[in-house]
C-alpha atoms as a PDB file:
ATOM      1  CA  MET A   1      78.254 170.206  43.770  1.00  0.00           C
ATOM      2  CA  GLN A   2      75.676 170.833  46.616  1.00  0.00           C
ATOM      3  CA  GLU A   3      74.825 168.391  49.041  1.00  0.00           C
ATOM      4  CA  HIS A   4      71.122 167.369  48.423  1.00  0.00           C
ATOM      5  CA  GLU A   5      69.029 167.398  50.793  1.00  0.00           C
ATOM      6  CA  PRO A   6      65.334 165.813  50.858  1.00  0.00           C
ATOM      7  CA  VAL A   7      62.538 168.064  51.063  1.00  0.00           C
ATOM      8  CA  LEU A   8      59.761 167.404  54.230  1.00  0.00           C
ATOM      9  CA  LEU A   9      61.613 164.422  55.314  1.00  0.00           C
ATOM     10  CA  ASN A  10      60.725 164.618  58.758  1.00  0.00           C
ATOM     11  CA  ASP A  11      57.382 165.461  58.109  1.00  0.00           C
ATOM     12  CA  PHE A  12      56.926 162.350  56.099  1.00  0.00           C
ATOM     13  CA  ILE A  13      58.284 160.313  59.030  1.00  0.00           C
ATOM     14  CA  SER A  14      55.810 161.657  61.550  1.00  0.00           C
ATOM     15  CA  LEU A  15      53.232 161.187  59.405  1.00  0.00           C
ATOM     16  CA  VAL A  16      53.962 157.873  58.438  1.00  0.00           C
ATOM     17  CA  ALA A  17      55.008 156.349  61.673  1.00  0.00           C
ATOM     18  CA  PRO A  18      55.092 153.509  62.364  1.00  0.00           C
ATOM     19  CA  ILE A  19      57.106 152.554  59.841  1.00  0.00           C
ATOM     20  CA  ALA A  20      57.332 148.982  59.187  1.00  0.00           C
ATOM     21  CA  GLY A  21      56.820 145.932  56.517  1.00  0.00           C
ATOM     22  CA  CYS A  22      58.965 146.575  52.720  1.00  0.00           C
ATOM     23  CA  TRP A  23      58.510 149.897  51.158  1.00  0.00           C
ATOM     24  CA  ILE A  24      58.933 151.260  47.638  1.00  0.00           C
ATOM     25  CA  ASP A  25      61.252 154.773  47.005  1.00  0.00           C
ATOM     26  CA  GLY A  26      60.216 155.305  43.957  1.00  0.00           C
ATOM     27  CA  THR A  27      62.290 158.098  43.046  1.00  0.00           C
ATOM     28  CA  PHE A  28      66.080 157.141  44.654  1.00  0.00           C
ATOM     29  CA  GLY A  29      68.046 160.175  44.025  1.00  0.00           C
ATOM     30  CA  ALA A  30      70.680 160.442  46.465  1.00  0.00           C
ATOM     31  CA  GLY A  31      69.027 157.912  49.516  1.00  0.00           C
ATOM     32  CA  GLY A  32      67.311 160.377  51.615  1.00  0.00           C
ATOM     33  CA  TYR A  33      64.159 158.747  51.661  1.00  0.00           C
ATOM     34  CA  THR A  34      65.342 155.196  51.432  1.00  0.00           C
ATOM     35  CA  ARG A  35      67.913 155.641  54.527  1.00  0.00           C
ATOM     36  CA  ALA A  36      65.043 157.315  56.257  1.00  0.00           C
ATOM     37  CA  LEU A  37      62.354 154.298  56.129  1.00  0.00           C
ATOM     38  CA  LEU A  38      65.611 151.837  57.181  1.00  0.00           C
ATOM     39  CA  GLU A  39      66.508 153.895  60.034  1.00  0.00           C
ATOM     40  CA  ASN A  40      63.292 154.347  61.427  1.00  0.00           C
ATOM     41  CA  GLY A  41      61.506 150.688  60.703  1.00  0.00           C
ATOM     42  CA  ALA A  42      61.017 149.346  57.427  1.00  0.00           C
ATOM     43  CA  CYS A  43      62.736 145.738  56.727  1.00  0.00           C
ATOM     44  CA  LYS A  44      63.098 146.254  52.971  1.00  0.00           C
ATOM     45  CA  VAL A  45      63.382 149.300  50.660  1.00  0.00           C
ATOM     46  CA  LEU A  46      62.269 148.084  46.791  1.00  0.00           C
ATOM     47  CA  ALA A  47      64.408 151.688  45.416  1.00  0.00           C
ATOM     48  CA  ILE A  48      64.375 153.146  41.855  1.00  0.00           C
ATOM     49  CA  ASP A  49      65.881 155.594  39.890  1.00  0.00           C
ATOM     50  CA  LYS A  50      65.706 155.494  36.025  1.00  0.00           C
ATOM     51  CA  ASP A  51      68.979 157.952  36.484  1.00  0.00           C
ATOM     52  CA  SER A  52      71.873 155.332  36.454  1.00  0.00           C
ATOM     53  CA  SER A  53      74.221 158.399  38.183  1.00  0.00           C
ATOM     54  CA  THR A  54      72.124 157.278  41.119  1.00  0.00           C
ATOM     55  CA  LYS A  55      74.246 154.404  41.935  1.00  0.00           C
ATOM     56  CA  VAL A  56      76.726 156.330  43.176  1.00  0.00           C
ATOM     57  CA  PHE A  57      74.884 156.931  46.483  1.00  0.00           C
ATOM     58  CA  LEU A  58      73.451 153.185  47.090  1.00  0.00           C
ATOM     59  CA  LYS A  59      76.647 151.713  47.703  1.00  0.00           C
ATOM     60  CA  LYS A  60      76.770 153.990  51.259  1.00  0.00           C
ATOM     61  CA  ILE A  61      73.432 152.562  52.390  1.00  0.00           C
ATOM     62  CA  GLN A  62      73.591 148.641  51.229  1.00  0.00           C
ATOM     63  CA  ASN A  63      76.897 148.642  52.924  1.00  0.00           C
ATOM     64  CA  GLU A  64      75.074 149.438  56.118  1.00  0.00           C
ATOM     65  CA  TYR A  65      72.124 147.626  55.309  1.00  0.00           C
ATOM     66  CA  GLY A  66      72.891 145.022  53.301  1.00  0.00           C
ATOM     67  CA  ASN A  67      70.228 142.869  51.545  1.00  0.00           C
ATOM     68  CA  MET A  68      67.540 145.496  52.818  1.00  0.00           C
ATOM     69  CA  ILE A  69      67.531 147.522  49.889  1.00  0.00           C
ATOM     70  CA  LYS A  70      67.141 146.082  46.255  1.00  0.00           C
ATOM     71  CA  PHE A  71      67.834 148.796  43.506  1.00  0.00           C
ATOM     72  CA  TYR A  72      66.279 149.046  40.175  1.00  0.00           C
ATOM     73  CA  ASN A  73      67.589 151.190  37.460  1.00  0.00           C
ATOM     74  CA  HIS A  74      64.327 152.063  35.735  1.00  0.00           C
ATOM     75  CA  ASN A  75      61.343 154.289  35.232  1.00  0.00           C
ATOM     76  CA  PHE A  76      58.864 154.226  37.933  1.00  0.00           C
ATOM     77  CA  ALA A  77      55.970 154.721  35.625  1.00  0.00           C
ATOM     78  CA  ASP A  78      57.607 150.771  34.929  1.00  0.00           C
ATOM     79  CA  ILE A  79      56.786 149.528  38.737  1.00  0.00           C
ATOM     80  CA  GLN A  80      54.398 147.082  37.249  1.00  0.00           C
ATOM     81  CA  LYS A  81      56.714 145.255  34.611  1.00  0.00           C
ATOM     82  CA  ASN A  82      58.697 144.681  37.836  1.00  0.00           C
ATOM     83  CA  ASN A  83      57.958 141.168  38.547  1.00  0.00           C
ATOM     84  CA  ASP A  84      59.713 142.033  42.121  1.00  0.00           C
ATOM     85  CA  ILE A  85      57.296 143.869  42.388  1.00  0.00           C
ATOM     86  CA  THR A  86      54.228 142.762  41.475  1.00  0.00           C
ATOM     87  CA  CYS A  87      54.643 139.293  42.966  1.00  0.00           C
ATOM     88  CA  ARG A  88      54.844 140.731  46.522  1.00  0.00           C
ATOM     89  CA  ASP A  89      51.861 141.275  48.597  1.00  0.00           C
ATOM     90  CA  ASP A  90      54.044 142.898  51.712  1.00  0.00           C
ATOM     91  CA  ILE A  91      54.167 146.362  49.907  1.00  0.00           C
ATOM     92  CA  SER A  92      53.330 148.373  53.416  1.00  0.00           C
ATOM     93  CA  GLY A  93      54.404 151.755  51.717  1.00  0.00           C
ATOM     94  CA  VAL A  94      55.285 153.789  48.179  1.00  0.00           C
ATOM     95  CA  VAL A  95      56.958 157.372  48.658  1.00  0.00           C
ATOM     96  CA  LEU A  96      57.865 159.449  45.633  1.00  0.00           C
ATOM     97  CA  ASP A  97      59.536 162.872  45.851  1.00  0.00           C
ATOM     98  CA  LEU A  98      59.248 163.883  42.344  1.00  0.00           C
ATOM     99  CA  GLY A  99      60.727 166.624  40.442  1.00  0.00           C
ATOM    100  CA  VAL A 100      64.709 167.532  39.760  1.00  0.00           C
ATOM    101  CA  SER A 101      67.349 167.257  42.343  1.00  0.00           C
ATOM    102  CA  SER A 102      70.520 168.896  43.010  1.00  0.00           C
ATOM    103  CA  MET A 103      72.209 166.447  41.294  1.00  0.00           C
ATOM    104  CA  HIS A 104      69.821 166.985  38.130  1.00  0.00           C
ATOM    105  CA  LEU A 105      70.574 171.269  38.448  1.00  0.00           C
ATOM    106  CA  ASP A 106      73.920 171.730  39.721  1.00  0.00           C
ATOM    107  CA  ASN A 107      74.907 169.329  36.792  1.00  0.00           C
ATOM    108  CA  PRO A 108      75.036 171.766  33.775  1.00  0.00           C
ATOM    109  CA  LEU A 109      76.163 169.359  31.272  1.00  0.00           C
ATOM    110  CA  ARG A 110      72.605 167.153  32.071  1.00  0.00           C
ATOM    111  CA  GLY A 111      71.056 170.578  30.750  1.00  0.00           C
ATOM    112  CA  PHE A 112      68.260 171.450  33.293  1.00  0.00           C
ATOM    113  CA  SER A 113      70.043 174.659  34.817  1.00  0.00           C
ATOM    114  CA  PHE A 114      69.079 177.995  33.364  1.00  0.00           C
ATOM    115  CA  LYS A 115      71.803 179.828  34.989  1.00  0.00           C
ATOM    116  CA  GLU A 116      75.000 177.551  33.715  1.00  0.00           C
ATOM    117  CA  SER A 117      75.299 177.207  30.090  1.00  0.00           C
ATOM    118  CA  GLY A 118      74.881 173.492  28.568  1.00  0.00           C
ATOM    119  CA  PRO A 119      73.777 171.072  26.274  1.00  0.00           C
ATOM    120  CA  LEU A 120      69.816 170.953  25.805  1.00  0.00           C
ATOM    121  CA  ASP A 121      69.113 167.637  27.631  1.00  0.00           C
ATOM    122  CA  MET A 122      67.050 167.212  30.481  1.00  0.00           C
ATOM    123  CA  ARG A 123      66.421 163.822  30.615  1.00  0.00           C
ATOM    124  CA  MET A 124      65.879 162.357  33.672  1.00  0.00           C
ATOM    125  CA  GLY A 125      67.298 158.897  33.183  1.00  0.00           C
ATOM    126  CA  ASN A 126      68.748 157.335  29.980  1.00  0.00           C
ATOM    127  CA  GLN A 127      65.807 156.983  27.833  1.00  0.00           C
ATOM    128  CA  PRO A 128      65.595 156.897  24.572  1.00  0.00           C
ATOM    129  CA  GLY A 129      63.578 160.092  23.109  1.00  0.00           C
ATOM    130  CA  PRO A 130      63.226 163.416  22.280  1.00  0.00           C
ATOM    131  CA  THR A 131      65.483 165.668  24.497  1.00  0.00           C
ATOM    132  CA  ALA A 132      64.703 169.651  24.913  1.00  0.00           C
ATOM    133  CA  SER A 133      67.039 170.233  22.205  1.00  0.00           C
ATOM    134  CA  ASP A 134      64.951 168.087  19.868  1.00  0.00           C
ATOM    135  CA  ILE A 135      61.955 170.000  21.422  1.00  0.00           C
ATOM    136  CA  VAL A 136      62.903 173.356  20.915  1.00  0.00           C
ATOM    137  CA  ASN A 137      64.215 172.847  17.494  1.00  0.00           C
ATOM    138  CA  ARG A 138      61.780 170.806  16.062  1.00  0.00           C
ATOM    139  CA  CYS A 139      58.573 171.356  17.523  1.00  0.00           C
ATOM    140  CA  SER A 140      55.634 173.136  15.285  1.00  0.00           C
ATOM    141  CA  GLU A 141      54.816 176.679  17.144  1.00  0.00           C
ATOM    142  CA  ALA A 142      51.704 175.798  18.144  1.00  0.00           C
ATOM    143  CA  THR A 143      52.860 172.480  20.028  1.00  0.00           C
ATOM    144  CA  LEU A 144      55.386 174.427  21.881  1.00  0.00           C
ATOM    145  CA  ALA A 145      53.187 177.405  22.676  1.00  0.00           C
ATOM    146  CA  ASP A 146      50.531 174.630  24.112  1.00  0.00           C
ATOM    147  CA  LEU A 147      53.161 172.589  26.048  1.00  0.00           C
ATOM    148  CA  ILE A 148      54.519 176.143  27.106  1.00  0.00           C
ATOM    149  CA  PHE A 149      50.985 176.881  28.562  1.00  0.00           C
ATOM    150  CA  PHE A 150      49.611 173.773  29.899  1.00  0.00           C
ATOM    151  CA  TYR A 151      52.678 172.275  31.080  1.00  0.00           C
ATOM    152  CA  GLY A 152      54.555 175.299  32.313  1.00  0.00           C
ATOM    153  CA  GLN A 153      51.261 177.444  33.306  1.00  0.00           C
ATOM    154  CA  GLU A 154      53.331 180.625  31.383  1.00  0.00           C
ATOM    155  CA  ARG A 155      50.612 182.838  29.899  1.00  0.00           C
ATOM    156  CA  LYS A 156      53.376 184.412  27.608  1.00  0.00           C
ATOM    157  CA  ALA A 157      53.345 180.575  26.274  1.00  0.00           C
ATOM    158  CA  ARG A 158      52.682 182.391  22.681  1.00  0.00           C
ATOM    159  CA  LYS A 159      54.925 184.995  22.464  1.00  0.00           C
ATOM    160  CA  ILE A 160      57.729 182.431  23.792  1.00  0.00           C
ATOM    161  CA  ALA A 161      57.617 179.750  21.067  1.00  0.00           C
ATOM    162  CA  ASN A 162      57.274 182.498  18.138  1.00  0.00           C
ATOM    163  CA  LYS A 163      60.685 184.068  19.683  1.00  0.00           C
ATOM    164  CA  ILE A 164      61.896 180.578  19.754  1.00  0.00           C
ATOM    165  CA  VAL A 165      60.676 179.447  16.223  1.00  0.00           C
ATOM    166  CA  ARG A 166      62.217 182.932  14.665  1.00  0.00           C
ATOM    167  CA  GLU A 167      65.327 182.151  16.623  1.00  0.00           C
ATOM    168  CA  ARG A 168      66.082 178.682  15.361  1.00  0.00           C
ATOM    169  CA  ASN A 169      65.328 179.646  12.090  1.00  0.00           C
ATOM    170  CA  LYS A 170      68.897 181.542  12.253  1.00  0.00           C
ATOM    171  CA  LYS A 171      69.828 179.119  14.140  1.00  0.00           C
ATOM    172  CA  LYS A 172      69.822 175.706  15.829  1.00  0.00           C
ATOM    173  CA  ILE A 173      69.758 176.691  19.663  1.00  0.00           C
ATOM    174  CA  THR A 174      72.060 174.505  21.295  1.00  0.00           C
ATOM    175  CA  THR A 175      72.558 175.594  24.885  1.00  0.00           C
ATOM    176  CA  THR A 176      70.536 176.229  28.227  1.00  0.00           C
ATOM    177  CA  LEU A 177      71.875 179.983  28.096  1.00  0.00           C
ATOM    178  CA  GLU A 178      70.557 180.734  24.697  1.00  0.00           C
ATOM    179  CA  LEU A 179      66.976 179.179  25.260  1.00  0.00           C
ATOM    180  CA  ALA A 180      67.336 181.487  28.602  1.00  0.00           C
ATOM    181  CA  GLU A 181      68.039 184.779  27.440  1.00  0.00           C
ATOM    182  CA  ILE A 182      65.290 184.452  24.396  1.00  0.00           C
ATOM    183  CA  ILE A 183      62.745 183.895  27.031  1.00  0.00           C
ATOM    184  CA  ARG A 184      64.335 186.578  29.421  1.00  0.00           C
ATOM    185  CA  ALA A 185      63.698 188.408  25.810  1.00  0.00           C
ATOM    186  CA  ILE A 186      60.097 188.188  26.533  1.00  0.00           C
ATOM    187  CA  VAL A 187      59.150 187.336  29.972  1.00  0.00           C
ATOM    188  CA  PRO A 188      59.196 190.126  32.540  1.00  0.00           C
ATOM    189  CA  LYS A 189      62.267 190.436  35.027  1.00  0.00           C
ATOM    190  CA  ASN A 190      60.970 188.878  38.358  1.00  0.00           C
ATOM    191  CA  LEU A 191      62.471 189.546  41.566  1.00  0.00           C
ATOM    192  CA  LYS A 192      61.766 185.603  42.978  1.00  0.00           C
ATOM    193  CA  LYS A 193      62.088 183.457  39.813  1.00  0.00           C
ATOM    194  CA  ASP A 194      63.981 183.504  36.887  1.00  0.00           C
ATOM    195  CA  PRO A 195      61.723 184.109  33.808  1.00  0.00           C
ATOM    196  CA  ALA A 196      63.031 181.176  32.075  1.00  0.00           C
ATOM    197  CA  THR A 197      61.563 178.866  35.148  1.00  0.00           C
ATOM    198  CA  ARG A 198      58.325 177.961  33.895  1.00  0.00           C
ATOM    199  CA  THR A 199      59.205 177.416  30.380  1.00  0.00           C
ATOM    200  CA  PHE A 200      61.891 174.880  31.399  1.00  0.00           C
ATOM    201  CA  GLN A 201      59.626 173.292  33.365  1.00  0.00           C
ATOM    202  CA  ALA A 202      57.524 172.887  30.865  1.00  0.00           C
ATOM    203  CA  ILE A 203      60.094 171.296  28.225  1.00  0.00           C
ATOM    204  CA  ARG A 204      61.824 168.745  31.052  1.00  0.00           C
ATOM    205  CA  ILE A 205      57.917 167.807  31.405  1.00  0.00           C
ATOM    206  CA  ALA A 206      57.426 167.002  28.192  1.00  0.00           C
ATOM    207  CA  VAL A 207      60.924 165.154  28.162  1.00  0.00           C
ATOM    208  CA  ASN A 208      60.365 163.273  31.009  1.00  0.00           C
ATOM    209  CA  ASN A 209      56.646 162.563  30.189  1.00  0.00           C
ATOM    210  CA  GLU A 210      56.420 163.413  33.954  1.00  0.00           C
ATOM    211  CA  LEU A 211      52.553 164.020  34.569  1.00  0.00           C
ATOM    212  CA  LYS A 212      51.696 160.910  32.431  1.00  0.00           C
ATOM    213  CA  ASP A 213      54.202 158.797  34.584  1.00  0.00           C
ATOM    214  CA  LEU A 214      53.146 160.111  37.715  1.00  0.00           C
ATOM    215  CA  SER A 215      49.369 159.473  37.142  1.00  0.00           C
ATOM    216  CA  LYS A 216      50.159 155.635  35.878  1.00  0.00           C
ATOM    217  CA  THR A 217      52.801 154.693  39.155  1.00  0.00           C
ATOM    218  CA  LEU A 218      49.359 156.506  41.568  1.00  0.00           C
ATOM    219  CA  VAL A 219      47.289 153.631  40.086  1.00  0.00           C
ATOM    220  CA  PHE A 220      49.294 150.850  40.313  1.00  0.00           C
ATOM    221  CA  ALA A 221      50.841 151.902  43.548  1.00  0.00           C
ATOM    222  CA  GLU A 222      47.015 151.634  45.153  1.00  0.00           C
ATOM    223  CA  LYS A 223      46.553 147.797  43.607  1.00  0.00           C
ATOM    224  CA  ILE A 224      49.983 146.975  45.162  1.00  0.00           C
ATOM    225  CA  LEU A 225      49.774 148.066  48.834  1.00  0.00           C
ATOM    226  CA  ARG A 226      48.755 145.844  51.235  1.00  0.00           C
ATOM    227  CA  LYS A 227      45.383 147.485  53.503  1.00  0.00           C
ATOM    228  CA  GLY A 228      46.943 149.568  55.609  1.00  0.00           C
ATOM    229  CA  GLY A 229      49.752 151.147  53.656  1.00  0.00           C
ATOM    230  CA  ILE A 230      50.562 154.298  52.604  1.00  0.00           C
ATOM    231  CA  ILE A 231      51.604 156.333  49.357  1.00  0.00           C
ATOM    232  CA  ALA A 232      52.720 159.535  50.678  1.00  0.00           C
ATOM    233  CA  VAL A 233      54.218 161.703  47.197  1.00  0.00           C
ATOM    234  CA  VAL A 234      56.103 165.342  47.518  1.00  0.00           C
ATOM    235  CA  THR A 235      55.170 167.104  44.508  1.00  0.00           C
ATOM    236  CA  PHE A 236      56.440 170.636  43.372  1.00  0.00           C
ATOM    237  CA  HIS A 237      54.395 172.288  40.935  1.00  0.00           C
ATOM    238  CA  SER A 238      50.601 172.469  40.755  1.00  0.00           C
ATOM    239  CA  LEU A 239      50.224 170.203  37.842  1.00  0.00           C
ATOM    240  CA  GLU A 240      51.639 167.191  39.783  1.00  0.00           C
ATOM    241  CA  ASP A 241      49.878 168.464  43.072  1.00  0.00           C
ATOM    242  CA  LYS A 242      46.586 168.437  41.385  1.00  0.00           C
ATOM    243  CA  ILE A 243      47.204 165.188  39.950  1.00  0.00           C
ATOM    244  CA  VAL A 244      47.868 163.551  43.330  1.00  0.00           C
ATOM    245  CA  LYS A 245      44.827 165.655  44.811  1.00  0.00           C
ATOM    246  CA  ASP A 246      42.627 164.225  42.591  1.00  0.00           C
ATOM    247  CA  PHE A 247      43.810 161.148  42.768  1.00  0.00           C
ATOM    248  CA  GLY A 248      43.457 160.898  46.372  1.00  0.00           C
ATOM    249  CA  LYS A 249      39.700 162.205  45.908  1.00  0.00           C
ATOM    250  CA  ILE A 250      38.549 159.714  43.565  1.00  0.00           C
ATOM    251  CA  MET A 251      40.021 157.022  45.707  1.00  0.00           C
ATOM    252  CA  SER A 252      38.537 158.192  48.719  1.00  0.00           C
ATOM    253  CA  GLY A 253      34.974 158.766  47.129  1.00  0.00           C
ATOM    254  CA  LYS A 254      34.811 162.124  47.578  1.00  0.00           C
ATOM    255  CA  ALA A 255      35.626 163.258  43.664  1.00  0.00           C
ATOM    256  CA  SER A 256      32.806 165.343  42.734  1.00  0.00           C
ATOM    257  CA  SER A 257      30.219 163.993  40.436  1.00  0.00           C
ATOM    258  CA  THR A 258      29.346 167.521  38.630  1.00  0.00           C
ATOM    259  CA  ASN A 259      32.398 166.928  35.965  1.00  0.00           C
ATOM    260  CA  ARG A 260      30.813 165.135  33.202  1.00  0.00           C
ATOM    261  CA  TYR A 261      34.597 164.507  32.420  1.00  0.00           C
ATOM    262  CA  SER A 262      35.519 162.753  35.448  1.00  0.00           C
ATOM    263  CA  PRO A 263      35.251 158.888  35.815  1.00  0.00           C
ATOM    264  CA  PRO A 264      32.885 157.023  37.999  1.00  0.00           C
ATOM    265  CA  THR A 265      33.935 156.280  41.487  1.00  0.00           C
ATOM    266  CA  SER A 266      32.597 155.024  44.607  1.00  0.00           C
ATOM    267  CA  LYS A 267      31.538 156.475  47.841  1.00  0.00           C
ATOM    268  CA  THR A 268      30.041 153.819  49.508  1.00  0.00           C
ATOM    269  CA  TYR A 269      33.697 151.842  49.349  1.00  0.00           C
ATOM    270  CA  PRO A 270      36.680 153.621  49.254  1.00  0.00           C
ATOM    271  CA  SER A 271      40.167 152.313  49.155  1.00  0.00           C
ATOM    272  CA  LEU A 272      42.049 155.031  50.074  1.00  0.00           C
ATOM    273  CA  VAL A 273      41.581 157.682  53.045  1.00  0.00           C
ATOM    274  CA  ALA A 274      43.698 161.216  53.344  1.00  0.00           C
ATOM    275  CA  VAL A 275      45.952 160.972  56.569  1.00  0.00           C
ATOM    276  CA  ASN A 276      46.584 164.845  55.574  1.00  0.00           C
ATOM    277  CA  LYS A 277      43.719 166.957  54.637  1.00  0.00           C
ATOM    278  CA  LYS A 278      45.952 169.832  53.771  1.00  0.00           C
ATOM    279  CA  PRO A 279      49.359 169.582  52.139  1.00  0.00           C
ATOM    280  CA  VAL A 280      52.299 169.579  54.717  1.00  0.00           C
ATOM    281  CA  VAL A 281      54.423 172.673  53.456  1.00  0.00           C
ATOM    282  CA  ALA A 282      57.960 173.427  54.571  1.00  0.00           C
ATOM    283  CA  THR A 283      58.739 175.270  57.549  1.00  0.00           C
ATOM    284  CA  ILE A 284      60.510 178.375  58.005  1.00  0.00           C
ATOM    285  CA  GLU A 285      63.884 176.746  59.643  1.00  0.00           C
ATOM    286  CA  GLU A 286      63.479 174.157  56.241  1.00  0.00           C
ATOM    287  CA  LEU A 287      63.595 176.829  53.674  1.00  0.00           C
ATOM    288  CA  ASN A 288      66.349 178.813  55.877  1.00  0.00           C
ATOM    289  CA  ARG A 289      67.930 176.084  54.966  1.00  0.00           C
ATOM    290  CA  ASN A 290      66.741 174.320  51.308  1.00  0.00           C
ATOM    291  CA  LYS A 291      65.313 176.919  49.223  1.00  0.00           C
ATOM    292  CA  ARG A 292      64.460 173.775  47.082  1.00  0.00           C
ATOM    293  CA  ALA A 293      61.681 173.121  49.952  1.00  0.00           C
ATOM    294  CA  ARG A 294      59.792 176.353  48.618  1.00  0.00           C
ATOM    295  CA  SER A 295      57.867 174.628  46.377  1.00  0.00           C
ATOM    296  CA  ALA A 296      56.959 171.472  48.033  1.00  0.00           C
ATOM    297  CA  LYS A 297      53.973 169.874  49.221  1.00  0.00           C
ATOM    298  CA  LEU A 298      53.419 166.688  50.650  1.00  0.00           C
ATOM    299  CA  ARG A 299      50.256 164.378  50.565  1.00  0.00           C
ATOM    300  CA  VAL A 300      49.951 160.936  52.393  1.00  0.00           C
ATOM    301  CA  TYR A 301      47.180 158.668  52.212  1.00  0.00           C
ATOM    302  CA  LYS A 302      46.352 155.461  53.540  1.00  0.00           C
ATOM    303  CA  LYS A 303      44.686 151.945  52.280  1.00  0.00           C
ATOM    304  CA  VAL A 304      41.445 151.086  54.122  1.00  0.00           C
ATOM    305  CA  SER A 305      40.577 148.524  51.412  1.00  0.00           C
ATOM    306  CA  ASP A 306      41.524 144.921  51.282  1.00  0.00           C
ATOM    307  CA  SER A 307      41.212 145.145  47.015  1.00  0.00           C
ATOM    308  CA  SER A 308      41.725 147.620  44.939  1.00  0.00           C
ATOM    309  CA  SER A 309      39.629 150.159  43.080  1.00  0.00           C
ATOM    310  CA  LYS A 310      37.439 148.454  40.581  1.00  0.00           C
ATOM    311  CA  PHE A 311      36.224 151.806  39.449  1.00  0.00           C
ATOM    312  CA  PHE A 312      38.806 153.555  38.220  1.00  0.00           C
ATOM    313  CA  PRO A 313      41.272 150.985  37.008  1.00  0.00           C
ATOM    314  CA  THR A 314      43.728 153.252  34.439  1.00  0.00           C
ATOM    315  CA  MET A 315      44.085 157.813  35.315  1.00  0.00           C
ATOM    316  CA  GLU A 316      46.455 159.373  32.885  1.00  0.00           C
ATOM    317  CA  PHE A 317      47.368 162.527  32.434  1.00  0.00           C
ATOM    318  CA  PRO A 318      46.455 164.440  28.841  1.00  0.00           C
ATOM    319  CA  GLN A 319      49.466 164.246  26.875  1.00  0.00           C
ATOM    320  CA  ILE A 320      50.514 167.170  24.431  1.00  0.00           C
ATOM    321  CA  GLU A 321      51.296 165.001  21.132  1.00  0.00           C
ATOM    322  CA  LEU A 322      54.995 166.445  20.242  1.00  0.00           C
ATOM    323  CA  GLY A 323      55.174 165.399  16.664  1.00  0.00           C
ATOM    324  CA  ILE A 324      58.334 164.681  15.950  1.00  0.00           C
END
C-alpha cells in the first residue's frame, strides 16, 4: 500500500498560523493533519473518522502526544451529537480533508478502485445501508442516470445507466472491474483520467451521502467555533468545492440575492470571512510527489462574530432518493 500523504498540508499550516487551542480534525485518515496541528501548536485535537481501520494510525500519535489527541469513530456529520464536542467553548478550528484516501483506493476489497477487481462496496465507514452493489443492481435506470449525471457530472449518464441495466438483467454486477468495463464501453478513452472515474465518483457519493454530510458539518462547525476560529476544507471535485464556496459566501454576507432559491443572508453582520480569496491548489512540486493532489482545492474561513449565524440554521445539498 502506498503511504498516504495529506495534500496541501504545508499551505494549510501557513494559512491558519498561529495554531493554538483545541482543533477538530473531522477526517483523521492516516493522521497527517492531526499530527501537523499538534506539531505546530494545537493543545488538543479531537480526531474523527467513521472508518474504524484508521485506528491503526492512531496509536503512534497517541504514544507521542498522549491525551492531547482524542479519537471518535463516527461520521463527522454527527459531531453535533457528540457531547464531548458540543459542551466545549474553546474550539479554535475545524479541518476537513475530503474525498477518498490512499487506504481506500489501494485496498481492492473496499471496492473504490476501478483498476483492480474487488466487491462493489465503496462504504467509507462501517455504516449500514446501501453499498455500491445495491445501487448498481437495484436502482431504477432513471435514478442511476440522475445520480451519475448530477453527482458525477458525466455527460453520458443516460447511456451508462441504460448499459448497466441491460447488463444486470443478464447477470448481477458484482465487481468493480465488471462495472468499470461496462462504463468504458460507453465513455471514450481519455489520456488524463479513466472513463470510469466520474461514474465511480457518483456512486461513491451516493453510498456515503457525502454532499449532504458536508453541508451539515459546515453549518455545525460555524456554530461551535469561538470568535477567531478557523474552518478549513480540502475538496477534490467541483460539487464539494461549490458547497464550501457557497457556504463561505452566505456566512460572509456576500451571496447573491438574485437567486430566489438562496436562503436569506445578512450583509451587515457576517459570521465568517475568507482567509484566502481564491482556493489554494497544489504546486508543481507537490503534484510530482503526490498525484492525488491534482484536483485538490483548499478554502479557509475565519469566524469574526461572537455568535453563530441566525440567518442560515440549516443547509443541505439536494439528495437524490435511491428508491431502494
